[in-house]
């Protein structure tokens, strides 16, 4: 009998990639569905829909208890709701030693100041994700309750013409120049959706409880380089333009500060511990001549 994994965020960008990777690896996937449309989408993808949402801890706990492991790849971006969801699912796995993987992100680090950060780096989250470290701590603490709890912090995810990289393409097509926030000299750690999904499968099988893992490829592109590649792929000739951060804050609020972060990340731990090796084309190659080119 195939092991069953309960996956939140299964219809989302990251979650859908994880679901496919799990299926390829021989797992049965049950996915959280907030609506009839979402349930229909999951069914067509071979995923068993579980009706409910992240605001309903009782249903989350029931689904977790009936699974062989949980991957939490969904979020409401509300710290209290996410905490309640984590508590419900982790408690449902208490004393089972089943895996529980929580999806955080690299923005909990804040700016790394041109230095390469690993999992021991002190956290300094930007306001947009200030609630996440507390949730991470709750997940790791679940290990004391007999849960094989793991935190994965993905870099900026790209691939399949989606993610933040798609915004560069959109602005290039609409205005003739790919627009970025700030100077563009800052670095974005990147990871392809498929490579990220592979890490989840490996962590599900092999990672020890209490493990925190970064998920980033080996690239260290500056944002302006990424925007230029998007502009070339979009037919805008490599033209880019800076969006001053003060103006960006007025339009998109604290999200602007996330886009202006300068971060360098090492995923050596994931490579050493789990043998993870990103294999997808780089974000620059994908933007120039891959999934972002229509």
C-alpha atoms as a PDB file:
ATOM      1  CA  UNK A   1       0.000   0.000   0.000  1.00  0.00           C
ATOM      2  CA  UNK A   2       1.358   3.408  -0.991  1.00  0.00           C
ATOM      3  CA  UNK A   3       2.033   5.812   1.887  1.00  0.00           C
ATOM      4  CA  UNK A   4      -0.354   8.778   1.933  1.00  0.00           C
ATOM      5  CA  UNK A   5       0.856  12.349   2.424  1.00  0.00           C
ATOM      6  CA  UNK A   6      -1.487  15.168   3.412  1.00  0.00           C
ATOM      7  CA  UNK A   7      -0.442  18.310   1.532  1.00  0.00           C
ATOM      8  CA  UNK A   8      -1.705  21.826   2.185  1.00  0.00           C
ATOM      9  CA  UNK A   9      -1.352  24.317  -0.656  1.00  0.00           C
ATOM     10  CA  UNK A  10      -1.635  21.498  -3.173  1.00  0.00           C
ATOM     11  CA  UNK A  11      -3.172  23.758  -5.840  1.00  0.00           C
ATOM     12  CA  UNK A  12      -0.543  26.468  -5.340  1.00  0.00           C
ATOM     13  CA  UNK A  13       2.706  27.136  -7.157  1.00  0.00           C
ATOM     14  CA  UNK A  14       4.979  25.273  -4.764  1.00  0.00           C
ATOM     15  CA  UNK A  15       2.384  22.755  -3.607  1.00  0.00           C
ATOM     16  CA  UNK A  16       1.473  21.578  -7.081  1.00  0.00           C
ATOM     17  CA  UNK A  17       5.138  20.885  -7.874  1.00  0.00           C
ATOM     18  CA  UNK A  18       5.481  18.971  -4.601  1.00  0.00           C
ATOM     19  CA  UNK A  19       2.371  16.929  -5.381  1.00  0.00           C
ATOM     20  CA  UNK A  20       3.760  15.842  -8.748  1.00  0.00           C
ATOM     21  CA  UNK A  21       7.101  14.908  -7.208  1.00  0.00           C
ATOM     22  CA  UNK A  22       5.376  12.883  -4.498  1.00  0.00           C
ATOM     23  CA  UNK A  23       3.313  10.996  -7.068  1.00  0.00           C
ATOM     24  CA  UNK A  24       6.401  10.227  -9.129  1.00  0.00           C
ATOM     25  CA  UNK A  25       8.061   8.913  -5.976  1.00  0.00           C
ATOM     26  CA  UNK A  26       5.205   6.502  -5.298  1.00  0.00           C
ATOM     27  CA  UNK A  27       3.187   8.396  -2.712  1.00  0.00           C
ATOM     28  CA  UNK A  28      -0.553   8.882  -2.609  1.00  0.00           C
ATOM     29  CA  UNK A  29      -1.397  12.549  -2.082  1.00  0.00           C
ATOM     30  CA  UNK A  30      -4.364  14.057  -0.257  1.00  0.00           C
ATOM     31  CA  UNK A  31      -4.682  17.797  -0.778  1.00  0.00           C
ATOM     32  CA  UNK A  32      -6.540  20.496   1.104  1.00  0.00           C
ATOM     33  CA  UNK A  33      -9.332  22.001  -1.012  1.00  0.00           C
ATOM     34  CA  UNK A  34     -11.171  25.172  -0.013  1.00  0.00           C
ATOM     35  CA  UNK A  35     -13.780  25.038  -2.767  1.00  0.00           C
ATOM     36  CA  UNK A  36     -15.540  22.741  -5.204  1.00  0.00           C
ATOM     37  CA  UNK A  37     -13.371  24.128  -8.001  1.00  0.00           C
ATOM     38  CA  UNK A  38     -10.200  23.346  -6.048  1.00  0.00           C
ATOM     39  CA  UNK A  39     -11.487  19.865  -5.245  1.00  0.00           C
ATOM     40  CA  UNK A  40     -12.193  19.263  -8.931  1.00  0.00           C
ATOM     41  CA  UNK A  41      -8.712  20.434  -9.892  1.00  0.00           C
ATOM     42  CA  UNK A  42      -7.116  18.098  -7.374  1.00  0.00           C
ATOM     43  CA  UNK A  43      -9.223  15.164  -8.509  1.00  0.00           C
ATOM     44  CA  UNK A  44      -8.147  15.689 -12.120  1.00  0.00           C
ATOM     45  CA  UNK A  45      -4.541  15.640 -10.946  1.00  0.00           C
ATOM     46  CA  UNK A  46      -4.991  12.345  -9.141  1.00  0.00           C
ATOM     47  CA  UNK A  47      -4.958  13.985  -5.712  1.00  0.00           C
ATOM     48  CA  UNK A  48      -7.628  13.060  -3.166  1.00  0.00           C
ATOM     49  CA  UNK A  49      -9.352  16.297  -2.110  1.00  0.00           C
ATOM     50  CA  UNK A  50      -9.816  17.022   1.580  1.00  0.00           C
ATOM     51  CA  UNK A  51     -12.449  19.724   1.993  1.00  0.00           C
ATOM     52  CA  UNK A  52     -11.538  22.479   4.435  1.00  0.00           C
ATOM     53  CA  UNK A  53      -9.136  25.367   4.831  1.00  0.00           C
ATOM     54  CA  UNK A  54      -6.361  26.587   7.078  1.00  0.00           C
ATOM     55  CA  UNK A  55      -8.888  28.346   9.303  1.00  0.00           C
ATOM     56  CA  UNK A  56     -10.319  24.990  10.369  1.00  0.00           C
ATOM     57  CA  UNK A  57      -7.885  23.240  12.750  1.00  0.00           C
ATOM     58  CA  UNK A  58     -10.294  20.386  13.447  1.00  0.00           C
ATOM     59  CA  UNK A  59     -10.404  19.261   9.822  1.00  0.00           C
ATOM     60  CA  UNK A  60      -6.654  19.739   9.476  1.00  0.00           C
ATOM     61  CA  UNK A  61      -6.019  17.532  12.487  1.00  0.00           C
ATOM     62  CA  UNK A  62      -8.316  14.823  11.163  1.00  0.00           C
ATOM     63  CA  UNK A  63      -6.595  14.799   7.751  1.00  0.00           C
ATOM     64  CA  UNK A  64      -3.152  14.743   9.358  1.00  0.00           C
ATOM     65  CA  UNK A  65      -4.088  11.862  11.656  1.00  0.00           C
ATOM     66  CA  UNK A  66      -5.205   9.781   8.671  1.00  0.00           C
ATOM     67  CA  UNK A  67      -1.961  10.350   6.778  1.00  0.00           C
ATOM     68  CA  UNK A  68       1.535   8.888   6.877  1.00  0.00           C
ATOM     69  CA  UNK A  69       3.021  12.356   6.931  1.00  0.00           C
ATOM     70  CA  UNK A  70       2.183  16.029   6.380  1.00  0.00           C
ATOM     71  CA  UNK A  71       3.689  18.697   4.156  1.00  0.00           C
ATOM     72  CA  UNK A  72       2.437  22.178   4.995  1.00  0.00           C
ATOM     73  CA  UNK A  73       2.990  24.229   1.824  1.00  0.00           C
ATOM     74  CA  UNK A  74       0.016  26.550   2.192  1.00  0.00           C
ATOM     75  CA  UNK A  75      -0.238  29.772   4.146  1.00  0.00           C
ATOM     76  CA  UNK A  76      -2.741  32.486   4.949  1.00  0.00           C
ATOM     77  CA  UNK A  77       0.096  34.948   5.648  1.00  0.00           C
ATOM     78  CA  UNK A  78      -1.538  35.382   9.028  1.00  0.00           C
ATOM     79  CA  UNK A  79       0.680  34.324  11.912  1.00  0.00           C
ATOM     80  CA  UNK A  80      -2.087  33.360  14.308  1.00  0.00           C
ATOM     81  CA  UNK A  81      -3.924  31.223  11.759  1.00  0.00           C
ATOM     82  CA  UNK A  82      -0.725  29.529  10.657  1.00  0.00           C
ATOM     83  CA  UNK A  83       0.227  28.807  14.263  1.00  0.00           C
ATOM     84  CA  UNK A  84      -3.158  27.252  14.968  1.00  0.00           C
ATOM     85  CA  UNK A  85      -2.894  25.132  11.823  1.00  0.00           C
ATOM     86  CA  UNK A  86       0.599  23.915  12.730  1.00  0.00           C
ATOM     87  CA  UNK A  87      -0.432  23.064  16.280  1.00  0.00           C
ATOM     88  CA  UNK A  88      -3.436  21.093  15.066  1.00  0.00           C
ATOM     89  CA  UNK A  89      -1.522  19.034  12.528  1.00  0.00           C
ATOM     90  CA  UNK A  90       1.542  18.484  14.702  1.00  0.00           C
ATOM     91  CA  UNK A  91      -0.584  17.363  17.642  1.00  0.00           C
ATOM     92  CA  UNK A  92      -2.366  14.909  15.364  1.00  0.00           C
ATOM     93  CA  UNK A  93       1.018  13.304  14.627  1.00  0.00           C
ATOM     94  CA  UNK A  94       2.138  13.243  18.256  1.00  0.00           C
ATOM     95  CA  UNK A  95       4.128  10.134  19.284  1.00  0.00           C
ATOM     96  CA  UNK A  96       3.977   8.652  15.761  1.00  0.00           C
ATOM     97  CA  UNK A  97       7.450   9.730  14.502  1.00  0.00           C
ATOM     98  CA  UNK A  98       5.718  10.594  11.237  1.00  0.00           C
ATOM     99  CA  UNK A  99       7.196  13.475   9.218  1.00  0.00           C
ATOM    100  CA  UNK A 100       5.810  16.994   9.347  1.00  0.00           C
ATOM    101  CA  UNK A 101       7.421  19.445   6.910  1.00  0.00           C
ATOM    102  CA  UNK A 102       6.740  23.160   7.271  1.00  0.00           C
ATOM    103  CA  UNK A 103       7.387  25.640   4.467  1.00  0.00           C
ATOM    104  CA  UNK A 104       9.023  28.845   5.641  1.00  0.00           C
ATOM    105  CA  UNK A 105      11.233  31.062   3.477  1.00  0.00           C
ATOM    106  CA  UNK A 106      14.536  32.893   3.276  1.00  0.00           C
ATOM    107  CA  UNK A 107      13.034  36.298   4.065  1.00  0.00           C
ATOM    108  CA  UNK A 108      13.167  35.349   7.756  1.00  0.00           C
ATOM    109  CA  UNK A 109      16.911  36.085   7.542  1.00  0.00           C
ATOM    110  CA  UNK A 110      16.593  39.680   6.483  1.00  0.00           C
ATOM    111  CA  UNK A 111      19.489  41.141   4.512  1.00  0.00           C
ATOM    112  CA  UNK A 112      22.690  39.050   4.687  1.00  0.00           C
ATOM    113  CA  UNK A 113      24.908  42.022   3.881  1.00  0.00           C
ATOM    114  CA  UNK A 114      26.868  40.367   1.101  1.00  0.00           C
ATOM    115  CA  UNK A 115      27.764  37.354   3.238  1.00  0.00           C
ATOM    116  CA  UNK A 116      26.684  33.774   2.581  1.00  0.00           C
ATOM    117  CA  UNK A 117      24.198  32.544   5.184  1.00  0.00           C
ATOM    118  CA  UNK A 118      23.551  28.986   6.258  1.00  0.00           C
ATOM    119  CA  UNK A 119      20.991  27.529   8.648  1.00  0.00           C
ATOM    120  CA  UNK A 120      22.884  28.843  11.698  1.00  0.00           C
ATOM    121  CA  UNK A 121      22.476  32.464  10.587  1.00  0.00           C
ATOM    122  CA  UNK A 122      20.597  34.606  13.162  1.00  0.00           C
ATOM    123  CA  UNK A 123      17.092  35.530  12.098  1.00  0.00           C
ATOM    124  CA  UNK A 124      16.125  39.122  11.379  1.00  0.00           C
ATOM    125  CA  UNK A 125      12.833  38.820   9.496  1.00  0.00           C
ATOM    126  CA  UNK A 126      11.410  41.694   7.521  1.00  0.00           C
ATOM    127  CA  UNK A 127       8.018  42.898   8.830  1.00  0.00           C
ATOM    128  CA  UNK A 128       6.148  41.010   6.111  1.00  0.00           C
ATOM    129  CA  UNK A 129       7.180  37.660   7.642  1.00  0.00           C
ATOM    130  CA  UNK A 130       7.892  38.694  11.223  1.00  0.00           C
ATOM    131  CA  UNK A 131       5.544  35.955  12.468  1.00  0.00           C
ATOM    132  CA  UNK A 132       7.332  33.086  10.736  1.00  0.00           C
ATOM    133  CA  UNK A 133      10.196  32.425  13.202  1.00  0.00           C
ATOM    134  CA  UNK A 134       7.673  31.685  15.956  1.00  0.00           C
ATOM    135  CA  UNK A 135       5.953  29.149  13.720  1.00  0.00           C
ATOM    136  CA  UNK A 136       9.299  27.592  12.803  1.00  0.00           C
ATOM    137  CA  UNK A 137      10.078  27.228  16.498  1.00  0.00           C
ATOM    138  CA  UNK A 138       6.742  25.530  17.087  1.00  0.00           C
ATOM    139  CA  UNK A 139       7.454  23.048  14.308  1.00  0.00           C
ATOM    140  CA  UNK A 140      10.906  22.182  15.633  1.00  0.00           C
ATOM    141  CA  UNK A 141       9.504  21.889  19.180  1.00  0.00           C
ATOM    142  CA  UNK A 142       7.050  19.278  17.908  1.00  0.00           C
ATOM    143  CA  UNK A 143      10.034  16.964  17.713  1.00  0.00           C
ATOM    144  CA  UNK A 144       9.834  16.640  21.478  1.00  0.00           C
ATOM    145  CA  UNK A 145       6.320  15.278  21.045  1.00  0.00           C
ATOM    146  CA  UNK A 146       7.409  12.405  18.830  1.00  0.00           C
ATOM    147  CA  UNK A 147       6.963  14.146  15.475  1.00  0.00           C
ATOM    148  CA  UNK A 148       9.732  14.056  12.832  1.00  0.00           C
ATOM    149  CA  UNK A 149       9.454  17.797  12.263  1.00  0.00           C
ATOM    150  CA  UNK A 150      11.367  19.592   9.493  1.00  0.00           C
ATOM    151  CA  UNK A 151      11.494  23.199   8.277  1.00  0.00           C
ATOM    152  CA  UNK A 152      12.355  24.024   4.672  1.00  0.00           C
ATOM    153  CA  UNK A 153      13.172  27.603   3.712  1.00  0.00           C
ATOM    154  CA  UNK A 154      12.856  27.942  -0.070  1.00  0.00           C
ATOM    155  CA  UNK A 155      14.703  30.639  -1.957  1.00  0.00           C
ATOM    156  CA  UNK A 156      12.797  32.662  -4.563  1.00  0.00           C
ATOM    157  CA  UNK A 157      11.007  30.025  -6.627  1.00  0.00           C
ATOM    158  CA  UNK A 158      10.942  30.138 -10.418  1.00  0.00           C
ATOM    159  CA  UNK A 159       9.931  27.940 -13.328  1.00  0.00           C
ATOM    160  CA  UNK A 160       6.891  27.211 -15.503  1.00  0.00           C
ATOM    161  CA  UNK A 161       6.564  30.903 -16.346  1.00  0.00           C
ATOM    162  CA  UNK A 162       5.444  31.745 -12.814  1.00  0.00           C
ATOM    163  CA  UNK A 163       6.674  33.278  -9.575  1.00  0.00           C
ATOM    164  CA  UNK A 164       8.309  36.641  -8.974  1.00  0.00           C
ATOM    165  CA  UNK A 165      10.362  36.273 -12.148  1.00  0.00           C
ATOM    166  CA  UNK A 166       7.130  36.478 -14.133  1.00  0.00           C
ATOM    167  CA  UNK A 167       6.617  40.038 -12.875  1.00  0.00           C
ATOM    168  CA  UNK A 168       9.762  41.134 -14.688  1.00  0.00           C
ATOM    169  CA  UNK A 169       8.415  39.580 -17.869  1.00  0.00           C
ATOM    170  CA  UNK A 170       5.049  41.250 -17.394  1.00  0.00           C
ATOM    171  CA  UNK A 171       6.514  44.722 -16.940  1.00  0.00           C
ATOM    172  CA  UNK A 172       8.827  44.244 -19.934  1.00  0.00           C
ATOM    173  CA  UNK A 173       5.899  43.331 -22.168  1.00  0.00           C
ATOM    174  CA  UNK A 174       3.665  46.088 -20.886  1.00  0.00           C
ATOM    175  CA  UNK A 175       6.132  48.974 -20.683  1.00  0.00           C
ATOM    176  CA  UNK A 176       9.117  47.916 -22.777  1.00  0.00           C
ATOM    177  CA  UNK A 177      11.422  47.540 -19.779  1.00  0.00           C
ATOM    178  CA  UNK A 178      11.632  45.014 -16.938  1.00  0.00           C
ATOM    179  CA  UNK A 179      11.174  46.911 -13.697  1.00  0.00           C
ATOM    180  CA  UNK A 180      12.912  46.029 -10.429  1.00  0.00           C
ATOM    181  CA  UNK A 181      12.822  47.622  -6.980  1.00  0.00           C
ATOM    182  CA  UNK A 182      15.846  49.608  -5.839  1.00  0.00           C
ATOM    183  CA  UNK A 183      19.283  49.578  -7.408  1.00  0.00           C
ATOM    184  CA  UNK A 184      19.099  46.028  -8.758  1.00  0.00           C
ATOM    185  CA  UNK A 185      22.534  45.305  -7.319  1.00  0.00           C
ATOM    186  CA  UNK A 186      21.040  43.037  -4.657  1.00  0.00           C
ATOM    187  CA  UNK A 187      21.139  39.250  -5.012  1.00  0.00           C
ATOM    188  CA  UNK A 188      18.156  36.913  -5.020  1.00  0.00           C
ATOM    189  CA  UNK A 189      18.832  33.262  -4.145  1.00  0.00           C
ATOM    190  CA  UNK A 190      16.763  31.162  -6.542  1.00  0.00           C
ATOM    191  CA  UNK A 191      15.403  27.629  -6.810  1.00  0.00           C
ATOM    192  CA  UNK A 192      13.420  25.962  -9.569  1.00  0.00           C
ATOM    193  CA  UNK A 193      10.037  24.571  -8.521  1.00  0.00           C
ATOM    194  CA  UNK A 194      10.991  21.043  -9.608  1.00  0.00           C
ATOM    195  CA  UNK A 195      14.298  21.076  -7.730  1.00  0.00           C
ATOM    196  CA  UNK A 196      12.526  22.371  -4.641  1.00  0.00           C
ATOM    197  CA  UNK A 197       9.903  19.633  -4.876  1.00  0.00           C
ATOM    198  CA  UNK A 198      12.643  17.016  -5.076  1.00  0.00           C
ATOM    199  CA  UNK A 199      14.082  18.325  -1.820  1.00  0.00           C
ATOM    200  CA  UNK A 200      10.716  17.863  -0.112  1.00  0.00           C
ATOM    201  CA  UNK A 201      10.596  14.234  -1.207  1.00  0.00           C
ATOM    202  CA  UNK A 202      14.127  13.609   0.013  1.00  0.00           C
ATOM    203  CA  UNK A 203      13.422  15.336   3.338  1.00  0.00           C
ATOM    204  CA  UNK A 204      10.219  13.367   3.752  1.00  0.00           C
ATOM    205  CA  UNK A 205      12.141  10.125   3.389  1.00  0.00           C
ATOM    206  CA  UNK A 206      15.434  10.856   5.086  1.00  0.00           C
ATOM    207  CA  UNK A 207      15.701  14.102   7.068  1.00  0.00           C
ATOM    208  CA  UNK A 208      16.077  13.833  10.806  1.00  0.00           C
ATOM    209  CA  UNK A 209      13.597  15.480  13.120  1.00  0.00           C
ATOM    210  CA  UNK A 210      14.510  19.009  14.143  1.00  0.00           C
ATOM    211  CA  UNK A 211      16.173  19.748  10.798  1.00  0.00           C
ATOM    212  CA  UNK A 212      16.093  23.175   9.122  1.00  0.00           C
ATOM    213  CA  UNK A 213      17.091  23.285   5.444  1.00  0.00           C
ATOM    214  CA  UNK A 214      17.678  26.061   2.942  1.00  0.00           C
ATOM    215  CA  UNK A 215      16.645  25.322  -0.631  1.00  0.00           C
ATOM    216  CA  UNK A 216      18.630  27.399  -3.121  1.00  0.00           C
ATOM    217  CA  UNK A 217      20.616  26.606  -6.229  1.00  0.00           C
ATOM    218  CA  UNK A 218      24.229  27.650  -6.738  1.00  0.00           C
ATOM    219  CA  UNK A 219      23.445  30.854  -8.630  1.00  0.00           C
ATOM    220  CA  UNK A 220      24.081  34.296  -7.180  1.00  0.00           C
ATOM    221  CA  UNK A 221      22.526  36.572  -9.782  1.00  0.00           C
ATOM    222  CA  UNK A 222      21.892  40.200  -9.085  1.00  0.00           C
ATOM    223  CA  UNK A 223      18.291  41.289  -9.510  1.00  0.00           C
ATOM    224  CA  UNK A 224      19.212  43.564 -12.394  1.00  0.00           C
ATOM    225  CA  UNK A 225      20.711  40.569 -14.229  1.00  0.00           C
ATOM    226  CA  UNK A 226      17.510  38.596 -13.701  1.00  0.00           C
ATOM    227  CA  UNK A 227      15.420  41.516 -14.934  1.00  0.00           C
ATOM    228  CA  UNK A 228      17.642  41.919 -18.001  1.00  0.00           C
ATOM    229  CA  UNK A 229      17.204  38.249 -18.885  1.00  0.00           C
ATOM    230  CA  UNK A 230      13.439  38.635 -18.522  1.00  0.00           C
ATOM    231  CA  UNK A 231      13.508  41.666 -20.786  1.00  0.00           C
ATOM    232  CA  UNK A 232      15.426  39.757 -23.456  1.00  0.00           C
ATOM    233  CA  UNK A 233      13.043  36.803 -23.293  1.00  0.00           C
ATOM    234  CA  UNK A 234      10.052  39.142 -23.448  1.00  0.00           C
ATOM    235  CA  UNK A 235      11.365  40.825 -26.578  1.00  0.00           C
ATOM    236  CA  UNK A 236      12.240  44.127 -24.880  1.00  0.00           C
ATOM    237  CA  UNK A 237      15.895  43.978 -25.864  1.00  0.00           C
ATOM    238  CA  UNK A 238      17.286  43.733 -22.364  1.00  0.00           C
ATOM    239  CA  UNK A 239      15.920  47.102 -21.284  1.00  0.00           C
ATOM    240  CA  UNK A 240      15.327  47.492 -17.550  1.00  0.00           C
ATOM    241  CA  UNK A 241      14.307  50.277 -15.201  1.00  0.00           C
ATOM    242  CA  UNK A 242      14.663  50.909 -11.487  1.00  0.00           C
ATOM    243  CA  UNK A 243      11.622  51.510  -9.308  1.00  0.00           C
ATOM    244  CA  UNK A 244      12.819  53.656  -6.398  1.00  0.00           C
ATOM    245  CA  UNK A 245      12.058  51.847  -3.172  1.00  0.00           C
ATOM    246  CA  UNK A 246      10.244  54.827  -1.669  1.00  0.00           C
ATOM    247  CA  UNK A 247       7.816  54.836  -4.599  1.00  0.00           C
ATOM    248  CA  UNK A 248       7.487  51.063  -4.494  1.00  0.00           C
ATOM    249  CA  UNK A 249       6.579  51.155  -0.805  1.00  0.00           C
ATOM    250  CA  UNK A 250       3.738  53.575  -1.566  1.00  0.00           C
ATOM    251  CA  UNK A 251       2.365  51.178  -4.194  1.00  0.00           C
ATOM    252  CA  UNK A 252       2.976  47.710  -2.720  1.00  0.00           C
ATOM    253  CA  UNK A 253       3.760  48.386   0.934  1.00  0.00           C
ATOM    254  CA  UNK A 254       6.230  46.214   2.876  1.00  0.00           C
ATOM    255  CA  UNK A 255       6.501  43.786  -0.055  1.00  0.00           C
ATOM    256  CA  UNK A 256       8.871  46.334  -1.587  1.00  0.00           C
ATOM    257  CA  UNK A 257      11.406  45.712   1.183  1.00  0.00           C
ATOM    258  CA  UNK A 258      11.303  41.982   0.468  1.00  0.00           C
ATOM    259  CA  UNK A 259      12.116  42.600  -3.180  1.00  0.00           C
ATOM    260  CA  UNK A 260      15.032  44.844  -2.224  1.00  0.00           C
ATOM    261  CA  UNK A 261      16.713  42.299   0.086  1.00  0.00           C
ATOM    262  CA  UNK A 262      20.308  41.374  -0.709  1.00  0.00           C
ATOM    263  CA  UNK A 263      20.757  37.723   0.236  1.00  0.00           C
ATOM    264  CA  UNK A 264      23.311  35.008  -0.390  1.00  0.00           C
ATOM    265  CA  UNK A 265      22.365  31.510   0.762  1.00  0.00           C
ATOM    266  CA  UNK A 266      24.175  28.187   1.102  1.00  0.00           C
ATOM    267  CA  UNK A 267      22.270  24.934   0.733  1.00  0.00           C
ATOM    268  CA  UNK A 268      25.307  22.795   1.510  1.00  0.00           C
ATOM    269  CA  UNK A 269      23.409  21.140   4.345  1.00  0.00           C
ATOM    270  CA  UNK A 270      20.706  19.810   2.026  1.00  0.00           C
ATOM    271  CA  UNK A 271      23.327  18.596  -0.413  1.00  0.00           C
ATOM    272  CA  UNK A 272      25.404  16.858   2.244  1.00  0.00           C
ATOM    273  CA  UNK A 273      22.587  15.450   4.350  1.00  0.00           C
ATOM    274  CA  UNK A 274      20.201  14.405   1.579  1.00  0.00           C
ATOM    275  CA  UNK A 275      22.269  14.308  -1.595  1.00  0.00           C
ATOM    276  CA  UNK A 276      20.103  17.048  -3.087  1.00  0.00           C
ATOM    277  CA  UNK A 277      21.439  18.496  -6.332  1.00  0.00           C
ATOM    278  CA  UNK A 278      19.493  21.141  -8.274  1.00  0.00           C
ATOM    279  CA  UNK A 279      19.496  20.269 -11.959  1.00  0.00           C
ATOM    280  CA  UNK A 280      17.120  22.735 -13.630  1.00  0.00           C
ATOM    281  CA  UNK A 281      18.314  25.502 -15.967  1.00  0.00           C
ATOM    282  CA  UNK A 282      19.166  28.706 -14.132  1.00  0.00           C
ATOM    283  CA  UNK A 283      16.567  31.440 -13.778  1.00  0.00           C
ATOM    284  CA  UNK A 284      18.468  33.536 -16.316  1.00  0.00           C
ATOM    285  CA  UNK A 285      18.410  30.728 -18.890  1.00  0.00           C
ATOM    286  CA  UNK A 286      14.744  30.003 -18.193  1.00  0.00           C
ATOM    287  CA  UNK A 287      13.844  33.668 -18.644  1.00  0.00           C
ATOM    288  CA  UNK A 288      15.870  34.075 -21.824  1.00  0.00           C
ATOM    289  CA  UNK A 289      14.788  30.930 -23.623  1.00  0.00           C
ATOM    290  CA  UNK A 290      12.661  28.726 -21.410  1.00  0.00           C
ATOM    291  CA  UNK A 291       9.254  28.631 -19.809  1.00  0.00           C
ATOM    292  CA  UNK A 292       8.870  32.417 -19.605  1.00  0.00           C
ATOM    293  CA  UNK A 293       9.148  32.910 -23.358  1.00  0.00           C
ATOM    294  CA  UNK A 294       5.786  32.715 -25.097  1.00  0.00           C
END
